[in-house]
Amino acid sequence: MSKSIMFIDKNKVVNYAGGVEKVICEFANEFIRRGYALYIVCIDTERGVPFFHLDSKVKFINLCYSYADYNYVNIKYKAKKL
C-alpha cells in the first residue's frame, strides 16, 4: 500500500514566489524522494505551475482549470463548504 499526501492551498500558487509556496514545493519534493505519492491542490485563477521546482512525480491540480464544467466561483464556494 503506497502512502499518499495531499497539500491544499486556497491562496495564490501559480507563478507566485512566496514563502508558503516555497515550503510546499520543498516538502512535496522531499516526500516524493521518500516514496510518497503527493498531490498539490489549489484554487488559482491563473493557469500554469508553481514558481518553484516540483518533481515530475508530484500531481499538481488547479481546480479552476482542471474541471472545465465549473467556474472559479462555484469551485471556491464548494471548497469552502467542505
PDB file of N, CA and C in Angstrom:
ATOM      1  N   MET A   1       0.849  -1.179   0.000  1.00  0.00           N
ATOM      2  CA  MET A   1       0.000   0.000   0.000  1.00  0.00           C
ATOM      3  C   MET A   1       0.897   1.246   0.000  1.00  0.00           C
ATOM      4  N   SER A   2       0.689   2.136  -0.966  1.00  0.00           N
ATOM      5  CA  SER A   2       1.500   3.350  -1.030  1.00  0.00           C
ATOM      6  C   SER A   2       0.932   4.425  -0.114  1.00  0.00           C
ATOM      7  N   LYS A   3       1.799   5.270   0.353  1.00  0.00           N
ATOM      8  CA  LYS A   3       1.417   6.363   1.235  1.00  0.00           C
ATOM      9  C   LYS A   3       1.148   7.593   0.375  1.00  0.00           C
ATOM     10  N   SER A   4       0.050   8.263   0.642  1.00  0.00           N
ATOM     11  CA  SER A   4      -0.314   9.447  -0.142  1.00  0.00           C
ATOM     12  C   SER A   4      -0.501  10.645   0.767  1.00  0.00           C
ATOM     13  N   ILE A   5      -0.128  11.812   0.255  1.00  0.00           N
ATOM     14  CA  ILE A   5      -0.299  13.078   0.965  1.00  0.00           C
ATOM     15  C   ILE A   5      -0.897  14.078  -0.010  1.00  0.00           C
ATOM     16  N   MET A   6      -1.797  14.922   0.490  1.00  0.00           N
ATOM     17  CA  MET A   6      -2.361  15.985  -0.328  1.00  0.00           C
ATOM     18  C   MET A   6      -2.175  17.312   0.400  1.00  0.00           C
ATOM     19  N   PHE A   7      -1.572  18.276  -0.292  1.00  0.00           N
ATOM     20  CA  PHE A   7      -1.480  19.641   0.206  1.00  0.00           C
ATOM     21  C   PHE A   7      -2.553  20.454  -0.502  1.00  0.00           C
ATOM     22  N   ILE A   8      -3.273  21.261   0.256  1.00  0.00           N
ATOM     23  CA  ILE A   8      -4.302  22.125  -0.315  1.00  0.00           C
ATOM     24  C   ILE A   8      -3.948  23.563   0.020  1.00  0.00           C
ATOM     25  N   ASP A   9      -3.915  24.415  -0.998  1.00  0.00           N
ATOM     26  CA  ASP A   9      -3.606  25.831  -0.804  1.00  0.00           C
ATOM     27  C   ASP A   9      -4.691  26.647  -1.484  1.00  0.00           C
ATOM     28  N   LYS A  10      -5.416  27.440  -0.709  1.00  0.00           N
ATOM     29  CA  LYS A  10      -6.506  28.234  -1.282  1.00  0.00           C
ATOM     30  C   LYS A  10      -6.029  29.598  -1.780  1.00  0.00           C
ATOM     31  N   ASN A  11      -4.766  29.896  -1.560  1.00  0.00           N
ATOM     32  CA  ASN A  11      -4.213  31.174  -1.998  1.00  0.00           C
ATOM     33  C   ASN A  11      -3.464  31.012  -3.310  1.00  0.00           C
ATOM     34  N   LYS A  12      -2.757  32.053  -3.730  1.00  0.00           N
ATOM     35  CA  LYS A  12      -2.003  32.017  -4.985  1.00  0.00           C
ATOM     36  C   LYS A  12      -0.893  30.990  -4.902  1.00  0.00           C
ATOM     37  N   VAL A  13      -0.758  30.196  -5.950  1.00  0.00           N
ATOM     38  CA  VAL A  13       0.311  29.206  -6.038  1.00  0.00           C
ATOM     39  C   VAL A  13       1.013  29.320  -7.388  1.00  0.00           C
ATOM     40  N   VAL A  14       0.254  29.527  -8.435  1.00  0.00           N
ATOM     41  CA  VAL A  14       0.801  29.560  -9.794  1.00  0.00           C
ATOM     42  C   VAL A  14       1.604  30.839 -10.006  1.00  0.00           C
ATOM     43  N   ASN A  15       2.868  30.685 -10.387  1.00  0.00           N
ATOM     44  CA  ASN A  15       3.775  31.796 -10.672  1.00  0.00           C
ATOM     45  C   ASN A  15       3.928  32.761  -9.500  1.00  0.00           C
ATOM     46  N   TYR A  16       3.773  32.287  -8.273  1.00  0.00           N
ATOM     47  CA  TYR A  16       3.884  33.140  -7.095  1.00  0.00           C
ATOM     48  C   TYR A  16       5.069  32.666  -6.263  1.00  0.00           C
ATOM     49  N   ALA A  17       5.962  33.563  -5.917  1.00  0.00           N
ATOM     50  CA  ALA A  17       7.211  33.206  -5.236  1.00  0.00           C
ATOM     51  C   ALA A  17       7.184  33.565  -3.758  1.00  0.00           C
ATOM     52  N   GLY A  18       6.141  33.146  -3.065  1.00  0.00           N
ATOM     53  CA  GLY A  18       6.034  33.429  -1.642  1.00  0.00           C
ATOM     54  C   GLY A  18       6.656  32.332  -0.792  1.00  0.00           C
ATOM     55  N   GLY A  19       6.751  32.588   0.503  1.00  0.00           N
ATOM     56  CA  GLY A  19       7.369  31.635   1.414  1.00  0.00           C
ATOM     57  C   GLY A  19       6.578  30.350   1.586  1.00  0.00           C
ATOM     58  N   VAL A  20       5.261  30.462   1.691  1.00  0.00           N
ATOM     59  CA  VAL A  20       4.424  29.269   1.847  1.00  0.00           C
ATOM     60  C   VAL A  20       4.546  28.380   0.617  1.00  0.00           C
ATOM     61  N   GLU A  21       4.539  28.985  -0.552  1.00  0.00           N
ATOM     62  CA  GLU A  21       4.637  28.225  -1.795  1.00  0.00           C
ATOM     63  C   GLU A  21       5.984  27.509  -1.901  1.00  0.00           C
ATOM     64  N   LYS A  22       7.040  28.177  -1.452  1.00  0.00           N
ATOM     65  CA  LYS A  22       8.367  27.562  -1.477  1.00  0.00           C
ATOM     66  C   LYS A  22       8.408  26.345  -0.561  1.00  0.00           C
ATOM     67  N   VAL A  23       7.857  26.485   0.646  1.00  0.00           N
ATOM     68  CA  VAL A  23       7.849  25.383   1.605  1.00  0.00           C
ATOM     69  C   VAL A  23       7.021  24.215   1.074  1.00  0.00           C
ATOM     70  N   ILE A  24       5.861  24.492   0.489  1.00  0.00           N
ATOM     71  CA  ILE A  24       5.023  23.428  -0.071  1.00  0.00           C
ATOM     72  C   ILE A  24       5.788  22.654  -1.140  1.00  0.00           C
ATOM     73  N   CYS A  25       6.455  23.363  -2.033  1.00  0.00           N
ATOM     74  CA  CYS A  25       7.204  22.701  -3.106  1.00  0.00           C
ATOM     75  C   CYS A  25       8.377  21.905  -2.560  1.00  0.00           C
ATOM     76  N   GLU A  26       9.088  22.441  -1.576  1.00  0.00           N
ATOM     77  CA  GLU A  26      10.212  21.716  -0.983  1.00  0.00           C
ATOM     78  C   GLU A  26       9.736  20.476  -0.234  1.00  0.00           C
ATOM     79  N   PHE A  27       8.653  20.607   0.532  1.00  0.00           N
ATOM     80  CA  PHE A  27       8.083  19.438   1.217  1.00  0.00           C
ATOM     81  C   PHE A  27       7.644  18.391   0.203  1.00  0.00           C
ATOM     82  N   ALA A  28       6.955  18.837  -0.849  1.00  0.00           N
ATOM     83  CA  ALA A  28       6.471  17.905  -1.872  1.00  0.00           C
ATOM     84  C   ALA A  28       7.625  17.119  -2.483  1.00  0.00           C
ATOM     85  N   ASN A  29       8.681  17.802  -2.854  1.00  0.00           N
ATOM     86  CA  ASN A  29       9.841  17.135  -3.451  1.00  0.00           C
ATOM     87  C   ASN A  29      10.480  16.146  -2.480  1.00  0.00           C
ATOM     88  N   GLU A  30      10.558  16.511  -1.203  1.00  0.00           N
ATOM     89  CA  GLU A  30      11.162  15.624  -0.211  1.00  0.00           C
ATOM     90  C   GLU A  30      10.289  14.392   0.031  1.00  0.00           C
ATOM     91  N   PHE A  31       8.981  14.583   0.115  1.00  0.00           N
ATOM     92  CA  PHE A  31       8.096  13.434   0.315  1.00  0.00           C
ATOM     93  C   PHE A  31       8.137  12.482  -0.880  1.00  0.00           C
ATOM     94  N   ILE A  32       8.235  13.014  -2.082  1.00  0.00           N
ATOM     95  CA  ILE A  32       8.382  12.173  -3.276  1.00  0.00           C
ATOM     96  C   ILE A  32       9.677  11.370  -3.169  1.00  0.00           C
ATOM     97  N   ARG A  33      10.743  12.020  -2.761  1.00  0.00           N
ATOM     98  CA  ARG A  33      12.036  11.351  -2.612  1.00  0.00           C
ATOM     99  C   ARG A  33      11.955  10.204  -1.597  1.00  0.00           C
ATOM    100  N   ARG A  34      11.084  10.358  -0.604  1.00  0.00           N
ATOM    101  CA  ARG A  34      10.929   9.330   0.433  1.00  0.00           C
ATOM    102  C   ARG A  34       9.895   8.267   0.076  1.00  0.00           C
ATOM    103  N   GLY A  35       9.333   8.340  -1.145  1.00  0.00           N
ATOM    104  CA  GLY A  35       8.456   7.274  -1.609  1.00  0.00           C
ATOM    105  C   GLY A  35       6.962   7.519  -1.479  1.00  0.00           C
ATOM    106  N   TYR A  36       6.563   8.714  -1.120  1.00  0.00           N
ATOM    107  CA  TYR A  36       5.146   9.026  -1.007  1.00  0.00           C
ATOM    108  C   TYR A  36       4.572   9.412  -2.373  1.00  0.00           C
ATOM    109  N   ALA A  37       3.264   9.215  -2.545  1.00  0.00           N
ATOM    110  CA  ALA A  37       2.540   9.814  -3.668  1.00  0.00           C
ATOM    111  C   ALA A  37       2.034  11.155  -3.150  1.00  0.00           C
ATOM    112  N   LEU A  38       2.250  12.221  -3.901  1.00  0.00           N
ATOM    113  CA  LEU A  38       1.903  13.537  -3.391  1.00  0.00           C
ATOM    114  C   LEU A  38       1.080  14.336  -4.394  1.00  0.00           C
ATOM    115  N   TYR A  39       0.062  15.005  -3.875  1.00  0.00           N
ATOM    116  CA  TYR A  39      -0.822  15.841  -4.673  1.00  0.00           C
ATOM    117  C   TYR A  39      -0.822  17.244  -4.083  1.00  0.00           C
ATOM    118  N   ILE A  40      -0.747  18.240  -4.936  1.00  0.00           N
ATOM    119  CA  ILE A  40      -0.935  19.630  -4.520  1.00  0.00           C
ATOM    120  C   ILE A  40      -2.192  20.117  -5.226  1.00  0.00           C
ATOM    121  N   VAL A  41      -3.161  20.566  -4.449  1.00  0.00           N
ATOM    122  CA  VAL A  41      -4.426  21.056  -4.989  1.00  0.00           C
ATOM    123  C   VAL A  41      -4.552  22.533  -4.647  1.00  0.00           C
ATOM    124  N   CYS A  42      -4.899  23.342  -5.648  1.00  0.00           N
ATOM    125  CA  CYS A  42      -5.076  24.772  -5.393  1.00  0.00           C
ATOM    126  C   CYS A  42      -6.313  25.282  -6.135  1.00  0.00           C
ATOM    127  N   ILE A  43      -6.695  26.474  -5.780  1.00  0.00           N
ATOM    128  CA  ILE A  43      -7.803  27.174  -6.434  1.00  0.00           C
ATOM    129  C   ILE A  43      -7.219  28.511  -6.877  1.00  0.00           C
ATOM    130  N   ASP A  44      -6.570  28.526  -8.027  1.00  0.00           N
ATOM    131  CA  ASP A  44      -5.864  29.703  -8.502  1.00  0.00           C
ATOM    132  C   ASP A  44      -6.452  30.156  -9.832  1.00  0.00           C
ATOM    133  N   THR A  45      -6.658  31.459  -9.978  1.00  0.00           N
ATOM    134  CA  THR A  45      -7.269  31.975 -11.204  1.00  0.00           C
ATOM    135  C   THR A  45      -6.292  32.033 -12.372  1.00  0.00           C
ATOM    136  N   GLU A  46      -4.998  31.799 -12.122  1.00  0.00           N
ATOM    137  CA  GLU A  46      -4.002  31.788 -13.201  1.00  0.00           C
ATOM    138  C   GLU A  46      -3.739  30.363 -13.664  1.00  0.00           C
ATOM    139  N   ARG A  47      -3.437  30.218 -14.946  1.00  0.00           N
ATOM    140  CA  ARG A  47      -3.015  28.920 -15.480  1.00  0.00           C
ATOM    141  C   ARG A  47      -1.507  28.790 -15.309  1.00  0.00           C
ATOM    142  N   GLY A  48      -1.050  27.574 -15.147  1.00  0.00           N
ATOM    143  CA  GLY A  48       0.384  27.354 -15.073  1.00  0.00           C
ATOM    144  C   GLY A  48       0.764  26.441 -13.934  1.00  0.00           C
ATOM    145  N   VAL A  49       2.013  26.555 -13.512  1.00  0.00           N
ATOM    146  CA  VAL A  49       2.566  25.723 -12.443  1.00  0.00           C
ATOM    147  C   VAL A  49       3.186  26.628 -11.385  1.00  0.00           C
ATOM    148  N   PRO A  50       3.538  26.074 -10.226  1.00  0.00           N
ATOM    149  CA  PRO A  50       4.182  26.889  -9.200  1.00  0.00           C
ATOM    150  C   PRO A  50       5.509  27.472  -9.681  1.00  0.00           C
ATOM    151  N   PHE A  51       5.893  28.583  -9.101  1.00  0.00           N
ATOM    152  CA  PHE A  51       7.148  29.250  -9.422  1.00  0.00           C
ATOM    153  C   PHE A  51       8.345  28.354  -9.101  1.00  0.00           C
ATOM    154  N   PHE A  52       8.276  27.651  -7.963  1.00  0.00           N
ATOM    155  CA  PHE A  52       9.380  26.817  -7.513  1.00  0.00           C
ATOM    156  C   PHE A  52       9.311  25.439  -8.159  1.00  0.00           C
ATOM    157  N   HIS A  53      10.487  24.802  -8.291  1.00  0.00           N
ATOM    158  CA  HIS A  53      10.594  23.494  -8.952  1.00  0.00           C
ATOM    159  C   HIS A  53       9.791  22.427  -8.217  1.00  0.00           C
ATOM    160  N   LEU A  54       9.061  21.629  -8.985  1.00  0.00           N
ATOM    161  CA  LEU A  54       8.374  20.457  -8.457  1.00  0.00           C
ATOM    162  C   LEU A  54       8.879  19.229  -9.191  1.00  0.00           C
ATOM    163  N   ASP A  55       9.092  18.151  -8.457  1.00  0.00           N
ATOM    164  CA  ASP A  55       9.437  16.875  -9.073  1.00  0.00           C
ATOM    165  C   ASP A  55       8.319  16.488 -10.039  1.00  0.00           C
ATOM    166  N   SER A  56       8.657  15.840 -11.123  1.00  0.00           N
ATOM    167  CA  SER A  56       7.660  15.470 -12.134  1.00  0.00           C
ATOM    168  C   SER A  56       6.650  14.460 -11.604  1.00  0.00           C
ATOM    169  N   LYS A  57       6.951  13.799 -10.485  1.00  0.00           N
ATOM    170  CA  LYS A  57       6.020  12.826  -9.901  1.00  0.00           C
ATOM    171  C   LYS A  57       4.926  13.481  -9.063  1.00  0.00           C
ATOM    172  N   VAL A  58       5.098  14.738  -8.695  1.00  0.00           N
ATOM    173  CA  VAL A  58       4.080  15.459  -7.917  1.00  0.00           C
ATOM    174  C   VAL A  58       2.898  15.756  -8.840  1.00  0.00           C
ATOM    175  N   LYS A  59       1.706  15.423  -8.377  1.00  0.00           N
ATOM    176  CA  LYS A  59       0.492  15.708  -9.148  1.00  0.00           C
ATOM    177  C   LYS A  59      -0.018  17.083  -8.733  1.00  0.00           C
ATOM    178  N   PHE A  60       0.065  18.063  -9.645  1.00  0.00           N
ATOM    179  CA  PHE A  60      -0.379  19.427  -9.364  1.00  0.00           C
ATOM    180  C   PHE A  60      -1.747  19.627  -9.998  1.00  0.00           C
ATOM    181  N   ILE A  61      -2.743  19.969  -9.186  1.00  0.00           N
ATOM    182  CA  ILE A  61      -4.117  20.123  -9.663  1.00  0.00           C
ATOM    183  C   ILE A  61      -4.615  21.511  -9.307  1.00  0.00           C
ATOM    184  N   ASN A  62      -4.958  22.286 -10.334  1.00  0.00           N
ATOM    185  CA  ASN A  62      -5.575  23.590 -10.127  1.00  0.00           C
ATOM    186  C   ASN A  62      -7.057  23.418 -10.440  1.00  0.00           C
ATOM    187  N   LEU A  63      -7.884  23.452  -9.416  1.00  0.00           N
ATOM    188  CA  LEU A  63      -9.305  23.170  -9.599  1.00  0.00           C
ATOM    189  C   LEU A  63     -10.002  24.144 -10.543  1.00  0.00           C
ATOM    190  N   CYS A  64      -9.470  25.349 -10.679  1.00  0.00           N
ATOM    191  CA  CYS A  64     -10.091  26.325 -11.572  1.00  0.00           C
ATOM    192  C   CYS A  64      -9.975  25.919 -13.033  1.00  0.00           C
ATOM    193  N   TYR A  65      -8.937  25.158 -13.367  1.00  0.00           N
ATOM    194  CA  TYR A  65      -8.722  24.800 -14.767  1.00  0.00           C
ATOM    195  C   TYR A  65      -8.744  23.308 -15.023  1.00  0.00           C
ATOM    196  N   SER A  66      -8.726  22.498 -13.988  1.00  0.00           N
ATOM    197  CA  SER A  66      -8.732  21.055 -14.184  1.00  0.00           C
ATOM    198  C   SER A  66     -10.114  20.531 -14.532  1.00  0.00           C
ATOM    199  N   TYR A  67     -11.131  21.269 -14.181  1.00  0.00           N
ATOM    200  CA  TYR A  67     -12.504  20.842 -14.434  1.00  0.00           C
ATOM    201  C   TYR A  67     -13.225  21.947 -15.188  1.00  0.00           C
ATOM    202  N   ALA A  68     -13.329  21.811 -16.493  1.00  0.00           N
ATOM    203  CA  ALA A  68     -13.861  22.874 -17.356  1.00  0.00           C
ATOM    204  C   ALA A  68     -15.349  23.137 -17.150  1.00  0.00           C
ATOM    205  N   ASP A  69     -16.086  22.179 -16.593  1.00  0.00           N
ATOM    206  CA  ASP A  69     -17.530  22.360 -16.419  1.00  0.00           C
ATOM    207  C   ASP A  69     -17.873  23.316 -15.283  1.00  0.00           C
ATOM    208  N   TYR A  70     -16.899  23.643 -14.461  1.00  0.00           N
ATOM    209  CA  TYR A  70     -17.131  24.533 -13.327  1.00  0.00           C
ATOM    210  C   TYR A  70     -16.395  25.842 -13.541  1.00  0.00           C
ATOM    211  N   ASN A  71     -16.886  26.888 -12.907  1.00  0.00           N
ATOM    212  CA  ASN A  71     -16.147  28.145 -12.961  1.00  0.00           C
ATOM    213  C   ASN A  71     -15.540  28.436 -11.594  1.00  0.00           C
ATOM    214  N   TYR A  72     -14.717  29.439 -11.520  1.00  0.00           N
ATOM    215  CA  TYR A  72     -13.967  29.757 -10.309  1.00  0.00           C
ATOM    216  C   TYR A  72     -14.874  29.948  -9.095  1.00  0.00           C
ATOM    217  N   VAL A  73     -15.963  30.665  -9.255  1.00  0.00           N
ATOM    218  CA  VAL A  73     -16.841  30.951  -8.123  1.00  0.00           C
ATOM    219  C   VAL A  73     -17.440  29.661  -7.570  1.00  0.00           C
ATOM    220  N   ASN A  74     -17.914  28.772  -8.438  1.00  0.00           N
ATOM    221  CA  ASN A  74     -18.512  27.522  -7.966  1.00  0.00           C
ATOM    222  C   ASN A  74     -17.498  26.649  -7.232  1.00  0.00           C
ATOM    223  N   ILE A  75     -16.305  26.517  -7.777  1.00  0.00           N
ATOM    224  CA  ILE A  75     -15.275  25.694  -7.140  1.00  0.00           C
ATOM    225  C   ILE A  75     -14.905  26.265  -5.781  1.00  0.00           C
ATOM    226  N   LYS A  76     -14.707  27.586  -5.714  1.00  0.00           N
ATOM    227  CA  LYS A  76     -14.312  28.215  -4.444  1.00  0.00           C
ATOM    228  C   LYS A  76     -15.429  28.043  -3.408  1.00  0.00           C
ATOM    229  N   TYR A  77     -16.678  28.204  -3.830  1.00  0.00           N
ATOM    230  CA  TYR A  77     -17.811  28.044  -2.922  1.00  0.00           C
ATOM    231  C   TYR A  77     -17.866  26.618  -2.391  1.00  0.00           C
ATOM    232  N   LYS A  78     -17.729  25.635  -3.286  1.00  0.00           N
ATOM    233  CA  LYS A  78     -17.802  24.240  -2.884  1.00  0.00           C
ATOM    234  C   LYS A  78     -16.644  23.873  -1.971  1.00  0.00           C
ATOM    235  N   ALA A  79     -15.460  24.409  -2.224  1.00  0.00           N
ATOM    236  CA  ALA A  79     -14.304  24.132  -1.378  1.00  0.00           C
ATOM    237  C   ALA A  79     -14.519  24.687   0.041  1.00  0.00           C
ATOM    238  N   LYS A  80     -15.107  25.863   0.141  1.00  0.00           N
ATOM    239  CA  LYS A  80     -15.369  26.449   1.460  1.00  0.00           C
ATOM    240  C   LYS A  80     -16.393  25.631   2.224  1.00  0.00           C
ATOM    241  N   LYS A  81     -17.369  25.060   1.498  1.00  0.00           N
ATOM    242  CA  LYS A  81     -18.390  24.242   2.146  1.00  0.00           C
ATOM    243  C   LYS A  81     -17.796  22.966   2.728  1.00  0.00           C
ATOM    244  N   LEU A  82     -16.745  22.448   2.089  1.00  0.00           N
ATOM    245  CA  LEU A  82     -16.103  21.223   2.605  1.00  0.00           C
ATOM    246  C   LEU A  82     -15.401  21.521   3.911  1.00  0.00           C
TER     247      LEU A  82
END
